[in-house]
């Protein structure tokens, strides 16, 4: 069963000062409109080729526009042995600060 977190829950954790490893899987033109502060950008299609950049010892929260692509990325990474959580609702639900 895939772990999920809402945008509000994630924002609360960040506001509390928790260090969260976030990956935004949207495309570059979508990132240009802003992303969650501190999130790293790895487009969905590049994830298999960039697994070497990720640490299986760290948990990751995945973000996209609405939660669909990040859900697919989370399912893939989970199969590869990573500890992942999908942010449901994606950036459409995000009310917090962006960079």
Protein backbone atom coordinates (compact mmCIF):
# COMPACT_ATOMS: atom_id res chain seq x y z
CA UNK A 1 0.00 0.00 0.00
CA UNK A 2 1.50 3.30 -1.09
CA UNK A 3 2.00 5.91 1.61
CA UNK A 4 0.32 9.25 1.00
CA UNK A 5 0.46 12.72 2.48
CA UNK A 6 -1.75 15.72 1.75
CA UNK A 7 -0.34 19.08 0.73
CA UNK A 8 -1.54 20.54 4.05
CA UNK A 9 0.17 17.76 6.06
CA UNK A 10 3.42 18.28 4.14
CA UNK A 11 3.28 22.05 4.62
CA UNK A 12 2.73 21.54 8.37
CA UNK A 13 5.78 19.25 8.63
CA UNK A 14 7.92 21.77 6.73
CA UNK A 15 6.62 24.62 8.91
CA UNK A 16 7.68 22.58 11.97
CA UNK A 17 11.21 22.51 10.54
CA UNK A 18 11.28 18.86 9.53
CA UNK A 19 13.83 17.99 6.86
CA UNK A 20 11.91 16.27 4.06
CA UNK A 21 13.45 14.94 0.86
CA UNK A 22 11.05 16.01 -1.88
CA UNK A 23 11.20 15.17 -5.58
CA UNK A 24 9.08 17.11 -8.06
CA UNK A 25 8.48 14.90 -11.11
CA UNK A 26 6.83 17.57 -13.31
CA UNK A 27 8.35 18.77 -16.57
CA UNK A 28 10.68 21.78 -16.73
CA UNK A 29 8.00 24.14 -18.09
CA UNK A 30 5.76 23.23 -15.13
CA UNK A 31 8.60 23.76 -12.64
CA UNK A 32 9.05 27.25 -14.08
CA UNK A 33 5.73 28.23 -12.45
CA UNK A 34 7.19 27.36 -9.05
CA UNK A 35 7.93 24.36 -6.86
CA UNK A 36 7.86 23.55 -3.17
CA UNK A 37 10.91 25.16 -1.56
CA UNK A 38 13.68 22.59 -1.22
CA UNK A 39 12.25 20.05 -3.68
CA UNK A 40 14.64 18.60 -6.23
CA UNK A 41 13.50 18.34 -9.85
CA UNK A 42 13.65 14.96 -11.56
CA UNK A 43 11.12 14.68 -14.41
CA UNK A 44 9.10 11.46 -14.31
CA UNK A 45 10.69 10.09 -17.47
CA UNK A 46 14.21 10.56 -16.08
CA UNK A 47 13.69 8.75 -12.77
CA UNK A 48 14.89 5.29 -13.92
CA UNK A 49 18.11 6.78 -15.35
CA UNK A 50 18.74 8.92 -12.25
CA UNK A 51 18.25 6.31 -9.50
CA UNK A 52 21.93 6.74 -8.65
CA UNK A 53 21.14 10.22 -7.31
CA UNK A 54 18.76 8.77 -4.71
CA UNK A 55 19.67 7.14 -1.39
CA UNK A 56 17.64 4.09 -0.35
CA UNK A 57 18.36 4.99 3.29
CA UNK A 58 16.34 8.22 2.94
CA UNK A 59 12.57 8.60 2.66
CA UNK A 60 11.28 10.68 -0.26
CA UNK A 61 8.05 12.57 -0.84
CA UNK A 62 7.00 12.81 -4.50
CA UNK A 63 5.17 15.79 -5.99
CA UNK A 64 3.58 16.54 -9.37
CA UNK A 65 0.72 18.72 -10.66
CA UNK A 66 -2.22 16.68 -9.37
CA UNK A 67 -0.81 13.54 -7.73
CA UNK A 68 -1.05 11.14 -10.68
CA UNK A 69 2.49 11.20 -12.06
CA UNK A 70 4.00 11.35 -8.58
CA UNK A 71 1.89 8.29 -7.74
CA UNK A 72 3.36 6.41 -10.71
CA UNK A 73 6.87 7.52 -9.71
CA UNK A 74 6.21 6.42 -6.12
CA UNK A 75 5.00 2.98 -7.28
CA UNK A 76 8.12 2.55 -9.42
CA UNK A 77 10.51 3.68 -6.67
CA UNK A 78 8.74 1.50 -4.10
CA UNK A 79 9.31 -1.51 -6.38
CA UNK A 80 12.99 -0.54 -6.55
CA UNK A 81 13.22 -0.61 -2.75
CA UNK A 82 12.86 3.09 -1.89
CA UNK A 83 10.83 4.51 1.01
CA UNK A 84 8.42 6.87 -0.76
CA UNK A 85 5.28 8.87 -0.03
CA UNK A 86 3.02 10.47 -2.65
CA UNK A 87 1.69 14.00 -2.06
CA UNK A 88 -1.98 13.68 -3.03
CA UNK A 89 -3.54 16.53 -4.94
CA UNK A 90 -0.14 17.74 -6.14
CA UNK A 91 0.71 21.39 -6.71
CA UNK A 92 -2.97 22.09 -7.42
CA UNK A 93 -3.52 21.56 -3.67
CA UNK A 94 -0.35 23.30 -2.47
CA UNK A 95 -1.02 26.54 -0.57
CA UNK A 96 2.46 27.01 0.90
CA UNK A 97 5.41 29.06 -0.32
CA UNK A 98 7.09 28.20 -3.62
CA UNK A 99 10.43 29.00 -5.20
